[in-house]
Amino acid sequence: MMKSQGLFDLQVNGYAGVDFNDSSITPERLDHALEVMLTDGVTGCLPTLITAHPEELEQRFLALDAAVANSKFGATMVPGYHLEGPFLNSAEGYRGCHPHEAMTDPDVALVSRLGVQLHKPILLLTLAPERAGSCEAIRTFRSMGIVVAMAHSQAGYADVEMAVNAGLTVSTHLGNGLPQQLHKVENTLLAQLAEPRLMACFIADGLHLSPNALTAMLRLKTHDRCILVTDAVLAAGAAPGNYSFAGMPVVLDEQGTVRQPGAASLAGSALRLDQAVRNVCEWSGVPSATAVAMASIHPRRALAFALEFHSITLRVGELAWNSAMQPQLQSI
């Protein structure tokens, strides 16, 4: 029997029919989602808000933060939040399901205004480093105690290096938020894989990345710098059907794929983090202890700077994994 401190999801937009981007979210609805996550072995997470207009982001953050503050599980499971956007690349192929009309260059004043109203801090922020003013913004975000990541980006080798020199440390859902065709070697995927100072997050559902592609990327990045995330939306842990994610209609099909109606690109996932651990073991031959670390120790390590800055001590549960890689929560 192997023990871990519980899984930790850096990127989860919703769960079990509950949308964290819904400005009408309640403590009871949040607790429902967090309790289902607990049954999947997740003892901590960063609820993630995606690109929206400033007034929408303010409403959504205030509602989410109030739900966390008044929930049963929020105090122990939610140390803070992940803001993915709106400082992303708005070009077709890079923007994914994010509303491109709300995308903009990094706005430190907006993030500061959002954060000052919250009980819990924004701990992780994802942007595209090729946008104007990104390097200066990265340095300022770091001074605010925020870990800065990149995604939905076409940044090449030089832009990635400059961003990392400024303080960017994580690749968000690497291999996704990219067009179907890229230059064979001069592309942002290889630039991020090649940068040894970046930790990289992967969605191991077999849909965002094929098992073979995932295996190759884990080896190239090296296992010690890899993190498993879900990028789950409210369809995770729910039945196939029609849902609304951040105000957008999405459909979960029988194969577990989440898309906007009629769209080719994915709209988050229905992945559970414990299943991601099992998938990596099965597909990539990664030892079970290493796969569990990718979903528990490594995400916490990626947040270490921000947690220390905000004097946050994570309260972790104890998770036992049996030989079939089934999590059994002992305590929290």
C-alpha atoms as a PDB file:
ATOM      1  CA  MET A   1       0.000   0.000   0.000  1.00  0.00           C
ATOM      2  CA  MET A   2       1.471   3.344  -1.110  1.00  0.00           C
ATOM      3  CA  LYS A   3       0.671   6.570   0.747  1.00  0.00           C
ATOM      4  CA  SER A   4       0.475  10.123  -0.590  1.00  0.00           C
ATOM      5  CA  GLN A   5      -0.564  13.488   0.790  1.00  0.00           C
ATOM      6  CA  GLY A   6      -3.571  13.591  -1.538  1.00  0.00           C
ATOM      7  CA  LEU A   7      -3.842  14.783  -5.111  1.00  0.00           C
ATOM      8  CA  PHE A   8      -3.811  18.499  -5.984  1.00  0.00           C
ATOM      9  CA  ASP A   9      -5.332  19.934  -9.179  1.00  0.00           C
ATOM     10  CA  LEU A  10      -3.868  23.222 -10.419  1.00  0.00           C
ATOM     11  CA  GLN A  11      -6.490  23.653 -13.137  1.00  0.00           C
ATOM     12  CA  VAL A  12     -10.119  22.754 -12.535  1.00  0.00           C
ATOM     13  CA  ASN A  13     -12.906  24.894 -14.003  1.00  0.00           C
ATOM     14  CA  GLY A  14     -15.766  22.932 -12.478  1.00  0.00           C
ATOM     15  CA  TYR A  15     -16.788  19.462 -11.372  1.00  0.00           C
ATOM     16  CA  ALA A  16     -19.781  17.190 -10.864  1.00  0.00           C
ATOM     17  CA  GLY A  17     -22.231  19.534 -12.573  1.00  0.00           C
ATOM     18  CA  VAL A  18     -20.926  22.658 -10.812  1.00  0.00           C
ATOM     19  CA  ASP A  19     -19.330  25.471 -12.850  1.00  0.00           C
ATOM     20  CA  PHE A  20     -16.756  27.485 -10.899  1.00  0.00           C
ATOM     21  CA  ASN A  21     -17.192  30.233 -13.533  1.00  0.00           C
ATOM     22  CA  ASP A  22     -20.889  30.640 -12.689  1.00  0.00           C
ATOM     23  CA  SER A  23     -21.580  33.933 -10.918  1.00  0.00           C
ATOM     24  CA  SER A  24     -24.542  32.293  -9.158  1.00  0.00           C
ATOM     25  CA  ILE A  25     -22.431  29.567  -7.508  1.00  0.00           C
ATOM     26  CA  THR A  26     -23.350  28.899  -3.865  1.00  0.00           C
ATOM     27  CA  PRO A  27     -21.411  27.383  -0.948  1.00  0.00           C
ATOM     28  CA  GLU A  28     -23.631  24.321  -1.146  1.00  0.00           C
ATOM     29  CA  ARG A  29     -22.943  23.784  -4.835  1.00  0.00           C
ATOM     30  CA  LEU A  30     -19.232  24.294  -4.325  1.00  0.00           C
ATOM     31  CA  ASP A  31     -19.218  21.773  -1.478  1.00  0.00           C
ATOM     32  CA  HIS A  32     -20.935  19.246  -3.710  1.00  0.00           C
ATOM     33  CA  ALA A  33     -18.148  19.583  -6.291  1.00  0.00           C
ATOM     34  CA  LEU A  34     -15.366  19.479  -3.698  1.00  0.00           C
ATOM     35  CA  GLU A  35     -16.844  16.457  -1.971  1.00  0.00           C
ATOM     36  CA  VAL A  36     -16.954  14.519  -5.235  1.00  0.00           C
ATOM     37  CA  MET A  37     -13.347  15.562  -5.884  1.00  0.00           C
ATOM     38  CA  LEU A  38     -12.452  14.189  -2.453  1.00  0.00           C
ATOM     39  CA  THR A  39     -13.882  10.811  -3.386  1.00  0.00           C
ATOM     40  CA  ASP A  40     -11.482  10.867  -6.357  1.00  0.00           C
ATOM     41  CA  GLY A  41      -8.528  11.441  -4.036  1.00  0.00           C
ATOM     42  CA  VAL A  42      -8.187  15.199  -4.619  1.00  0.00           C
ATOM     43  CA  THR A  43      -7.522  16.963  -1.317  1.00  0.00           C
ATOM     44  CA  GLY A  44      -6.670  20.356  -2.794  1.00  0.00           C
ATOM     45  CA  CYS A  45      -7.247  22.408  -5.939  1.00  0.00           C
ATOM     46  CA  LEU A  46      -7.148  25.825  -7.555  1.00  0.00           C
ATOM     47  CA  PRO A  47     -10.629  26.640  -8.902  1.00  0.00           C
ATOM     48  CA  THR A  48      -9.932  28.164 -12.303  1.00  0.00           C
ATOM     49  CA  LEU A  49     -11.622  31.085 -14.018  1.00  0.00           C
ATOM     50  CA  ILE A  50     -11.131  31.530 -17.746  1.00  0.00           C
ATOM     51  CA  THR A  51     -11.103  34.545 -20.045  1.00  0.00           C
ATOM     52  CA  ALA A  52     -13.955  37.010 -19.615  1.00  0.00           C
ATOM     53  CA  HIS A  53     -14.518  40.755 -19.717  1.00  0.00           C
ATOM     54  CA  PRO A  54     -13.338  42.634 -16.585  1.00  0.00           C
ATOM     55  CA  GLU A  55     -16.809  43.116 -15.109  1.00  0.00           C
ATOM     56  CA  GLU A  56     -17.596  39.438 -15.677  1.00  0.00           C
ATOM     57  CA  LEU A  57     -14.345  38.356 -14.037  1.00  0.00           C
ATOM     58  CA  GLU A  58     -15.102  40.559 -11.051  1.00  0.00           C
ATOM     59  CA  GLN A  59     -18.587  39.076 -10.623  1.00  0.00           C
ATOM     60  CA  ARG A  60     -17.343  35.519 -11.029  1.00  0.00           C
ATOM     61  CA  PHE A  61     -14.426  35.920  -8.636  1.00  0.00           C
ATOM     62  CA  LEU A  62     -16.582  37.546  -5.966  1.00  0.00           C
ATOM     63  CA  ALA A  63     -19.182  34.784  -6.229  1.00  0.00           C
ATOM     64  CA  LEU A  64     -16.585  32.001  -6.182  1.00  0.00           C
ATOM     65  CA  ASP A  65     -14.689  33.566  -3.280  1.00  0.00           C
ATOM     66  CA  ALA A  66     -17.884  33.992  -1.250  1.00  0.00           C
ATOM     67  CA  ALA A  67     -18.779  30.363  -1.908  1.00  0.00           C
ATOM     68  CA  VAL A  68     -15.320  29.224  -0.776  1.00  0.00           C
ATOM     69  CA  ALA A  69     -15.415  31.401   2.341  1.00  0.00           C
ATOM     70  CA  ASN A  70     -18.774  29.999   3.420  1.00  0.00           C
ATOM     71  CA  SER A  71     -18.307  26.388   2.369  1.00  0.00           C
ATOM     72  CA  LYS A  72     -17.535  23.314   4.446  1.00  0.00           C
ATOM     73  CA  PHE A  73     -14.556  22.112   2.394  1.00  0.00           C
ATOM     74  CA  GLY A  74     -13.216  25.401   1.024  1.00  0.00           C
ATOM     75  CA  ALA A  75     -10.945  26.219   3.958  1.00  0.00           C
ATOM     76  CA  THR A  76      -8.954  23.003   3.635  1.00  0.00           C
ATOM     77  CA  MET A  77      -9.198  22.273  -0.083  1.00  0.00           C
ATOM     78  CA  VAL A  78      -8.910  25.704  -1.737  1.00  0.00           C
ATOM     79  CA  PRO A  79      -5.821  27.788  -0.895  1.00  0.00           C
ATOM     80  CA  GLY A  80      -6.487  30.207  -3.773  1.00  0.00           C
ATOM     81  CA  TYR A  81      -7.365  30.548  -7.417  1.00  0.00           C
ATOM     82  CA  HIS A  82      -6.053  30.156 -10.973  1.00  0.00           C
ATOM     83  CA  LEU A  83      -6.800  32.859 -13.543  1.00  0.00           C
ATOM     84  CA  GLU A  84      -6.364  31.489 -17.083  1.00  0.00           C
ATOM     85  CA  GLY A  85      -6.602  34.556 -19.280  1.00  0.00           C
ATOM     86  CA  PRO A  86      -7.684  37.020 -20.472  1.00  0.00           C
ATOM     87  CA  PHE A  87      -4.067  37.737 -21.469  1.00  0.00           C
ATOM     88  CA  LEU A  88      -3.896  34.981 -24.091  1.00  0.00           C
ATOM     89  CA  ASN A  89      -3.292  34.781 -27.838  1.00  0.00           C
ATOM     90  CA  SER A  90      -6.603  35.493 -29.557  1.00  0.00           C
ATOM     91  CA  ALA A  91      -5.647  34.009 -32.932  1.00  0.00           C
ATOM     92  CA  GLU A  92      -7.618  31.099 -34.352  1.00  0.00           C
ATOM     93  CA  GLY A  93      -6.113  27.810 -33.223  1.00  0.00           C
ATOM     94  CA  TYR A  94      -4.495  29.299 -30.126  1.00  0.00           C
ATOM     95  CA  ARG A  95      -7.509  30.690 -28.288  1.00  0.00           C
ATOM     96  CA  GLY A  96      -9.356  27.381 -27.873  1.00  0.00           C
ATOM     97  CA  CYS A  97     -12.804  27.906 -26.356  1.00  0.00           C
ATOM     98  CA  HIS A  98     -11.785  31.175 -24.658  1.00  0.00           C
ATOM     99  CA  PRO A  99     -13.855  34.140 -25.913  1.00  0.00           C
ATOM    100  CA  HIS A 100     -11.372  35.990 -28.112  1.00  0.00           C
ATOM    101  CA  GLU A 101     -13.220  39.299 -27.925  1.00  0.00           C
ATOM    102  CA  ALA A 102     -12.361  39.506 -24.205  1.00  0.00           C
ATOM    103  CA  MET A 103      -8.630  38.872 -24.669  1.00  0.00           C
ATOM    104  CA  THR A 104      -6.198  41.695 -24.060  1.00  0.00           C
ATOM    105  CA  ASP A 105      -2.596  42.498 -23.210  1.00  0.00           C
ATOM    106  CA  PRO A 106      -1.573  41.895 -19.576  1.00  0.00           C
ATOM    107  CA  ASP A 107      -3.299  44.330 -17.244  1.00  0.00           C
ATOM    108  CA  VAL A 108      -1.677  44.462 -13.816  1.00  0.00           C
ATOM    109  CA  ALA A 109      -4.268  46.942 -12.523  1.00  0.00           C
ATOM    110  CA  LEU A 110      -7.097  44.533 -13.381  1.00  0.00           C
ATOM    111  CA  VAL A 111      -5.477  41.620 -11.546  1.00  0.00           C
ATOM    112  CA  SER A 112      -4.697  43.831  -8.569  1.00  0.00           C
ATOM    113  CA  ARG A 113      -8.289  45.102  -8.476  1.00  0.00           C
ATOM    114  CA  LEU A 114      -9.633  41.555  -8.637  1.00  0.00           C
ATOM    115  CA  GLY A 115      -7.294  40.263  -5.956  1.00  0.00           C
ATOM    116  CA  VAL A 116      -7.809  42.982  -3.385  1.00  0.00           C
ATOM    117  CA  GLN A 117     -11.494  42.059  -3.073  1.00  0.00           C
ATOM    118  CA  LEU A 118     -10.887  38.367  -2.335  1.00  0.00           C
ATOM    119  CA  HIS A 119     -10.512  36.400   0.896  1.00  0.00           C
ATOM    120  CA  LYS A 120      -8.160  33.978  -0.867  1.00  0.00           C
ATOM    121  CA  PRO A 121      -5.475  35.056  -3.347  1.00  0.00           C
ATOM    122  CA  ILE A 122      -4.962  34.446  -7.021  1.00  0.00           C
ATOM    123  CA  LEU A 123      -2.011  32.042  -6.793  1.00  0.00           C
ATOM    124  CA  LEU A 124      -1.561  31.111 -10.459  1.00  0.00           C
ATOM    125  CA  LEU A 125      -2.040  33.194 -13.597  1.00  0.00           C
ATOM    126  CA  THR A 126      -1.754  31.915 -17.169  1.00  0.00           C
ATOM    127  CA  LEU A 127      -0.870  34.287 -20.009  1.00  0.00           C
ATOM    128  CA  ALA A 128       0.698  34.322 -23.486  1.00  0.00           C
ATOM    129  CA  PRO A 129       4.181  35.848 -23.135  1.00  0.00           C
ATOM    130  CA  GLU A 130       4.248  37.207 -26.699  1.00  0.00           C
ATOM    131  CA  ARG A 131       1.574  39.770 -25.799  1.00  0.00           C
ATOM    132  CA  ALA A 132       2.774  43.355 -25.377  1.00  0.00           C
ATOM    133  CA  GLY A 133       4.145  44.177 -21.932  1.00  0.00           C
ATOM    134  CA  SER A 134       4.235  40.560 -20.774  1.00  0.00           C
ATOM    135  CA  CYS A 135       7.743  40.483 -19.322  1.00  0.00           C
ATOM    136  CA  GLU A 136       7.166  43.536 -17.156  1.00  0.00           C
ATOM    137  CA  ALA A 137       3.779  42.160 -16.128  1.00  0.00           C
ATOM    138  CA  ILE A 138       5.333  38.805 -15.194  1.00  0.00           C
ATOM    139  CA  ARG A 139       7.804  40.554 -12.898  1.00  0.00           C
ATOM    140  CA  THR A 140       4.984  42.569 -11.312  1.00  0.00           C
ATOM    141  CA  PHE A 141       2.739  39.531 -10.878  1.00  0.00           C
ATOM    142  CA  ARG A 142       5.628  37.740  -9.155  1.00  0.00           C
ATOM    143  CA  SER A 143       6.019  40.731  -6.812  1.00  0.00           C
ATOM    144  CA  MET A 144       2.318  40.250  -5.951  1.00  0.00           C
ATOM    145  CA  GLY A 145       2.908  36.629  -4.960  1.00  0.00           C
ATOM    146  CA  ILE A 146       1.481  35.049  -8.116  1.00  0.00           C
ATOM    147  CA  VAL A 147       3.042  32.107  -9.948  1.00  0.00           C
ATOM    148  CA  VAL A 148       2.962  32.893 -13.673  1.00  0.00           C
ATOM    149  CA  ALA A 149       2.344  30.235 -16.327  1.00  0.00           C
ATOM    150  CA  MET A 150       1.923  30.236 -20.102  1.00  0.00           C
ATOM    151  CA  ALA A 151      -0.580  28.698 -22.531  1.00  0.00           C
ATOM    152  CA  HIS A 152      -2.705  29.572 -25.569  1.00  0.00           C
ATOM    153  CA  SER A 153       0.519  31.051 -26.891  1.00  0.00           C
ATOM    154  CA  GLN A 154       2.682  31.024 -30.007  1.00  0.00           C
ATOM    155  CA  ALA A 155       5.786  32.238 -28.147  1.00  0.00           C
ATOM    156  CA  GLY A 156       8.960  30.917 -29.743  1.00  0.00           C
ATOM    157  CA  TYR A 157      12.310  30.102 -28.183  1.00  0.00           C
ATOM    158  CA  ALA A 158      13.349  33.746 -27.609  1.00  0.00           C
ATOM    159  CA  ASP A 159       9.993  34.789 -26.119  1.00  0.00           C
ATOM    160  CA  VAL A 160       9.908  31.742 -23.845  1.00  0.00           C
ATOM    161  CA  GLU A 161      13.438  32.436 -22.619  1.00  0.00           C
ATOM    162  CA  MET A 162      12.646  36.098 -21.921  1.00  0.00           C
ATOM    163  CA  ALA A 163       9.475  35.158 -20.065  1.00  0.00           C
ATOM    164  CA  VAL A 164      11.283  32.587 -17.932  1.00  0.00           C
ATOM    165  CA  ASN A 165      14.043  35.095 -17.188  1.00  0.00           C
ATOM    166  CA  ALA A 166      11.292  37.471 -15.999  1.00  0.00           C
ATOM    167  CA  GLY A 167       9.893  34.819 -13.650  1.00  0.00           C
ATOM    168  CA  LEU A 168       7.485  32.574 -15.574  1.00  0.00           C
ATOM    169  CA  THR A 169       7.796  29.002 -14.259  1.00  0.00           C
ATOM    170  CA  VAL A 170       4.970  26.772 -15.564  1.00  0.00           C
ATOM    171  CA  SER A 171       3.468  25.586 -18.852  1.00  0.00           C
ATOM    172  CA  THR A 172      -0.302  25.217 -18.522  1.00  0.00           C
ATOM    173  CA  HIS A 173      -1.794  22.144 -20.313  1.00  0.00           C
ATOM    174  CA  LEU A 174       1.237  21.834 -22.583  1.00  0.00           C
ATOM    175  CA  GLY A 175       0.432  20.526 -26.058  1.00  0.00           C
ATOM    176  CA  ASN A 176      -2.999  22.165 -26.104  1.00  0.00           C
ATOM    177  CA  GLY A 177      -4.281  25.582 -27.099  1.00  0.00           C
ATOM    178  CA  LEU A 178      -2.340  25.132 -30.349  1.00  0.00           C
ATOM    179  CA  PRO A 179      -3.377  25.038 -34.018  1.00  0.00           C
ATOM    180  CA  GLN A 180      -3.370  21.716 -35.840  1.00  0.00           C
ATOM    181  CA  GLN A 181      -0.369  22.755 -37.960  1.00  0.00           C
ATOM    182  CA  LEU A 182       2.865  24.199 -36.575  1.00  0.00           C
ATOM    183  CA  HIS A 183       6.343  24.725 -38.018  1.00  0.00           C
ATOM    184  CA  LYS A 184       8.186  21.425 -37.733  1.00  0.00           C
ATOM    185  CA  VAL A 185      10.858  22.723 -35.312  1.00  0.00           C
ATOM    186  CA  GLU A 186      10.372  26.462 -34.749  1.00  0.00           C
ATOM    187  CA  ASN A 187       7.306  26.229 -32.549  1.00  0.00           C
ATOM    188  CA  THR A 188       6.185  27.012 -29.020  1.00  0.00           C
ATOM    189  CA  LEU A 189       5.644  23.381 -28.034  1.00  0.00           C
ATOM    190  CA  LEU A 190       9.296  22.479 -28.584  1.00  0.00           C
ATOM    191  CA  ALA A 191      10.401  25.799 -27.084  1.00  0.00           C
ATOM    192  CA  GLN A 192       8.585  24.991 -23.831  1.00  0.00           C
ATOM    193  CA  LEU A 193       9.702  21.366 -23.752  1.00  0.00           C
ATOM    194  CA  ALA A 194      13.300  22.485 -24.244  1.00  0.00           C
ATOM    195  CA  GLU A 195      13.279  25.083 -21.442  1.00  0.00           C
ATOM    196  CA  PRO A 196      14.607  23.255 -18.341  1.00  0.00           C
ATOM    197  CA  ARG A 197      13.359  25.897 -15.912  1.00  0.00           C
ATOM    198  CA  LEU A 198       9.714  25.299 -16.834  1.00  0.00           C
ATOM    199  CA  MET A 199       7.506  22.748 -15.120  1.00  0.00           C
ATOM    200  CA  ALA A 200       4.841  21.442 -17.483  1.00  0.00           C
ATOM    201  CA  CYS A 201       1.222  20.452 -16.866  1.00  0.00           C
ATOM    202  CA  PHE A 202      -0.429  17.724 -18.936  1.00  0.00           C
ATOM    203  CA  ILE A 203      -4.037  16.561 -19.403  1.00  0.00           C
ATOM    204  CA  ALA A 204      -3.722  12.771 -19.483  1.00  0.00           C
ATOM    205  CA  ASP A 205      -7.158  11.884 -20.860  1.00  0.00           C
ATOM    206  CA  GLY A 206      -6.115  10.428 -24.224  1.00  0.00           C
ATOM    207  CA  LEU A 207      -8.098  13.180 -25.978  1.00  0.00           C
ATOM    208  CA  HIS A 208      -6.070  16.325 -25.454  1.00  0.00           C
ATOM    209  CA  LEU A 209      -2.918  14.275 -26.089  1.00  0.00           C
ATOM    210  CA  SER A 210      -2.705  10.759 -27.456  1.00  0.00           C
ATOM    211  CA  PRO A 211      -1.048   8.216 -25.133  1.00  0.00           C
ATOM    212  CA  ASN A 212       2.003   8.055 -27.411  1.00  0.00           C
ATOM    213  CA  ALA A 213       2.375  11.831 -27.614  1.00  0.00           C
ATOM    214  CA  LEU A 214       1.964  12.146 -23.860  1.00  0.00           C
ATOM    215  CA  THR A 215       4.630   9.508 -23.252  1.00  0.00           C
ATOM    216  CA  ALA A 216       7.071  11.331 -25.526  1.00  0.00           C
ATOM    217  CA  MET A 217       6.453  14.694 -23.836  1.00  0.00           C
ATOM    218  CA  LEU A 218       6.850  13.262 -20.338  1.00  0.00           C
ATOM    219  CA  ARG A 219      10.226  11.846 -21.340  1.00  0.00           C
ATOM    220  CA  LEU A 220      11.367  15.044 -23.025  1.00  0.00           C
ATOM    221  CA  LYS A 221      10.358  17.263 -20.118  1.00  0.00           C
ATOM    222  CA  THR A 222      11.592  14.637 -17.592  1.00  0.00           C
ATOM    223  CA  HIS A 223       9.232  13.194 -15.010  1.00  0.00           C
ATOM    224  CA  ASP A 224      10.454  15.412 -12.167  1.00  0.00           C
ATOM    225  CA  ARG A 225       9.221  18.523 -14.011  1.00  0.00           C
ATOM    226  CA  CYS A 226       5.825  17.119 -15.030  1.00  0.00           C
ATOM    227  CA  ILE A 227       2.443  17.852 -13.435  1.00  0.00           C
ATOM    228  CA  LEU A 228      -0.895  16.178 -14.088  1.00  0.00           C
ATOM    229  CA  VAL A 229      -3.988  18.399 -14.243  1.00  0.00           C
ATOM    230  CA  THR A 230      -7.551  17.823 -15.393  1.00  0.00           C
ATOM    231  CA  ASP A 231      -8.660  21.144 -16.922  1.00  0.00           C
ATOM    232  CA  ALA A 232     -12.022  19.698 -15.898  1.00  0.00           C
ATOM    233  CA  VAL A 233     -15.244  21.547 -16.517  1.00  0.00           C
ATOM    234  CA  LEU A 234     -18.558  20.888 -14.821  1.00  0.00           C
ATOM    235  CA  ALA A 235     -19.094  17.824 -17.027  1.00  0.00           C
ATOM    236  CA  ALA A 236     -16.434  15.902 -15.057  1.00  0.00           C
ATOM    237  CA  GLY A 237     -18.133  13.376 -12.818  1.00  0.00           C
ATOM    238  CA  ALA A 238     -21.422  14.013 -14.611  1.00  0.00           C
ATOM    239  CA  ALA A 239     -23.521  12.177 -17.194  1.00  0.00           C
ATOM    240  CA  PRO A 240     -23.198  12.830 -20.941  1.00  0.00           C
ATOM    241  CA  GLY A 241     -25.381  15.711 -22.050  1.00  0.00           C
ATOM    242  CA  ASN A 242     -25.627  19.458 -22.548  1.00  0.00           C
ATOM    243  CA  TYR A 243     -24.060  21.894 -20.068  1.00  0.00           C
ATOM    244  CA  SER A 244     -23.182  25.576 -19.740  1.00  0.00           C
ATOM    245  CA  PHE A 245     -19.539  26.420 -18.994  1.00  0.00           C
ATOM    246  CA  ALA A 246     -18.622  30.079 -18.336  1.00  0.00           C
ATOM    247  CA  GLY A 247     -21.762  31.097 -20.181  1.00  0.00           C
ATOM    248  CA  MET A 248     -20.978  28.885 -23.210  1.00  0.00           C
ATOM    249  CA  PRO A 249     -22.970  25.807 -24.235  1.00  0.00           C
ATOM    250  CA  VAL A 250     -20.853  22.639 -24.165  1.00  0.00           C
ATOM    251  CA  VAL A 251     -21.649  18.998 -24.835  1.00  0.00           C
ATOM    252  CA  LEU A 252     -20.205  15.945 -23.097  1.00  0.00           C
ATOM    253  CA  ASP A 253     -20.471  12.955 -25.428  1.00  0.00           C
ATOM    254  CA  GLU A 254     -20.425   9.231 -24.676  1.00  0.00           C
ATOM    255  CA  GLN A 255     -16.678   9.090 -25.378  1.00  0.00           C
ATOM    256  CA  GLY A 256     -15.936  11.649 -22.664  1.00  0.00           C
ATOM    257  CA  THR A 257     -15.154  14.514 -25.044  1.00  0.00           C
ATOM    258  CA  VAL A 258     -16.307  18.040 -24.134  1.00  0.00           C
ATOM    259  CA  ARG A 259     -16.850  20.488 -26.985  1.00  0.00           C
ATOM    260  CA  GLN A 260     -18.916  23.503 -27.891  1.00  0.00           C
ATOM    261  CA  PRO A 261     -21.730  22.438 -30.244  1.00  0.00           C
ATOM    262  CA  GLY A 262     -20.356  22.129 -33.771  1.00  0.00           C
ATOM    263  CA  ALA A 263     -16.799  23.054 -32.766  1.00  0.00           C
ATOM    264  CA  ALA A 264     -13.722  20.969 -33.507  1.00  0.00           C
ATOM    265  CA  SER A 265     -11.624  22.132 -30.560  1.00  0.00           C
ATOM    266  CA  LEU A 266     -12.047  20.770 -27.052  1.00  0.00           C
ATOM    267  CA  ALA A 267     -13.653  22.818 -24.268  1.00  0.00           C
ATOM    268  CA  GLY A 268     -11.891  21.545 -21.171  1.00  0.00           C
ATOM    269  CA  SER A 269     -12.229  17.928 -20.097  1.00  0.00           C
ATOM    270  CA  ALA A 270     -14.294  15.460 -18.102  1.00  0.00           C
ATOM    271  CA  LEU A 271     -11.144  13.914 -16.639  1.00  0.00           C
ATOM    272  CA  ARG A 272     -10.782  12.923 -12.981  1.00  0.00           C
ATOM    273  CA  LEU A 273      -7.298  13.368 -11.549  1.00  0.00           C
ATOM    274  CA  ASP A 274      -7.058   9.864 -10.106  1.00  0.00           C
ATOM    275  CA  GLN A 275      -7.844   8.499 -13.581  1.00  0.00           C
ATOM    276  CA  ALA A 276      -5.069  10.669 -15.016  1.00  0.00           C
ATOM    277  CA  VAL A 277      -2.650   8.965 -12.617  1.00  0.00           C
ATOM    278  CA  ARG A 278      -3.794   5.534 -13.711  1.00  0.00           C
ATOM    279  CA  ASN A 279      -3.622   6.526 -17.381  1.00  0.00           C
ATOM    280  CA  VAL A 280      -0.010   7.656 -17.107  1.00  0.00           C
ATOM    281  CA  CYS A 281       0.963   4.391 -15.434  1.00  0.00           C
ATOM    282  CA  GLU A 282      -0.792   2.326 -18.093  1.00  0.00           C
ATOM    283  CA  TRP A 283       0.214   4.301 -21.180  1.00  0.00           C
ATOM    284  CA  SER A 284       3.715   5.482 -20.312  1.00  0.00           C
ATOM    285  CA  GLY A 285       5.026   2.797 -17.997  1.00  0.00           C
ATOM    286  CA  VAL A 286       5.664   5.411 -15.312  1.00  0.00           C
ATOM    287  CA  PRO A 287       6.108   3.877 -11.827  1.00  0.00           C
ATOM    288  CA  SER A 288       3.020   4.391  -9.684  1.00  0.00           C
ATOM    289  CA  ALA A 289       4.884   6.465  -7.093  1.00  0.00           C
ATOM    290  CA  THR A 290       6.127   8.804  -9.848  1.00  0.00           C
ATOM    291  CA  ALA A 291       2.676   9.175 -11.386  1.00  0.00           C
ATOM    292  CA  VAL A 292       1.130   9.959  -7.996  1.00  0.00           C
ATOM    293  CA  ALA A 293       3.880  12.535  -7.368  1.00  0.00           C
ATOM    294  CA  MET A 294       3.011  14.248 -10.659  1.00  0.00           C
ATOM    295  CA  ALA A 295      -0.495  14.835  -9.304  1.00  0.00           C
ATOM    296  CA  SER A 296       0.378  15.574  -5.672  1.00  0.00           C
ATOM    297  CA  ILE A 297       3.942  16.628  -4.812  1.00  0.00           C
ATOM    298  CA  HIS A 298       4.783  18.386  -8.084  1.00  0.00           C
ATOM    299  CA  PRO A 299       1.778  20.752  -8.249  1.00  0.00           C
ATOM    300  CA  ARG A 300       2.370  21.772  -4.653  1.00  0.00           C
ATOM    301  CA  ARG A 301       6.033  22.377  -5.498  1.00  0.00           C
ATOM    302  CA  ALA A 302       5.029  24.551  -8.455  1.00  0.00           C
ATOM    303  CA  LEU A 303       3.001  26.725  -6.060  1.00  0.00           C
ATOM    304  CA  ALA A 304       5.655  26.868  -3.311  1.00  0.00           C
ATOM    305  CA  PHE A 305       6.697  30.457  -4.023  1.00  0.00           C
ATOM    306  CA  ALA A 306       3.129  31.803  -3.893  1.00  0.00           C
ATOM    307  CA  LEU A 307       2.185  29.747  -0.842  1.00  0.00           C
ATOM    308  CA  GLU A 308       5.196  31.055   1.062  1.00  0.00           C
ATOM    309  CA  PHE A 309       4.545  34.624  -0.094  1.00  0.00           C
ATOM    310  CA  HIS A 310       0.974  34.519   1.250  1.00  0.00           C
ATOM    311  CA  SER A 311       1.934  32.495   4.353  1.00  0.00           C
ATOM    312  CA  ILE A 312      -0.387  29.655   3.316  1.00  0.00           C
ATOM    313  CA  THR A 313       0.159  26.229   4.814  1.00  0.00           C
ATOM    314  CA  LEU A 314      -1.618  23.487   2.930  1.00  0.00           C
ATOM    315  CA  ARG A 315      -3.598  21.103   5.100  1.00  0.00           C
ATOM    316  CA  VAL A 316      -3.312  17.765   3.381  1.00  0.00           C
ATOM    317  CA  GLY A 317      -5.123  14.497   3.698  1.00  0.00           C
ATOM    318  CA  GLU A 318      -3.549  11.081   3.685  1.00  0.00           C
ATOM    319  CA  LEU A 319      -4.284   8.994   0.637  1.00  0.00           C
ATOM    320  CA  ALA A 320      -3.648   5.288   0.368  1.00  0.00           C
ATOM    321  CA  TRP A 321      -3.301   3.677  -3.060  1.00  0.00           C
ATOM    322  CA  ASN A 322      -3.825  -0.046  -3.430  1.00  0.00           C
ATOM    323  CA  SER A 323      -2.244  -2.268  -6.052  1.00  0.00           C
ATOM    324  CA  ALA A 324      -4.934  -1.380  -8.603  1.00  0.00           C
ATOM    325  CA  MET A 325      -4.170   2.352  -8.144  1.00  0.00           C
ATOM    326  CA  GLN A 326      -7.500   3.036  -6.481  1.00  0.00           C
ATOM    327  CA  PRO A 327      -7.339   5.943  -4.007  1.00  0.00           C
ATOM    328  CA  GLN A 328      -8.714   5.499  -0.513  1.00  0.00           C
ATOM    329  CA  LEU A 329      -8.903   8.683   1.532  1.00  0.00           C
ATOM    330  CA  GLN A 330      -7.924   8.135   5.146  1.00  0.00           C
ATOM    331  CA  SER A 331      -8.319  11.642   6.566  1.00  0.00           C
ATOM    332  CA  ILE A 332      -8.312  15.330   5.761  1.00  0.00           C
END
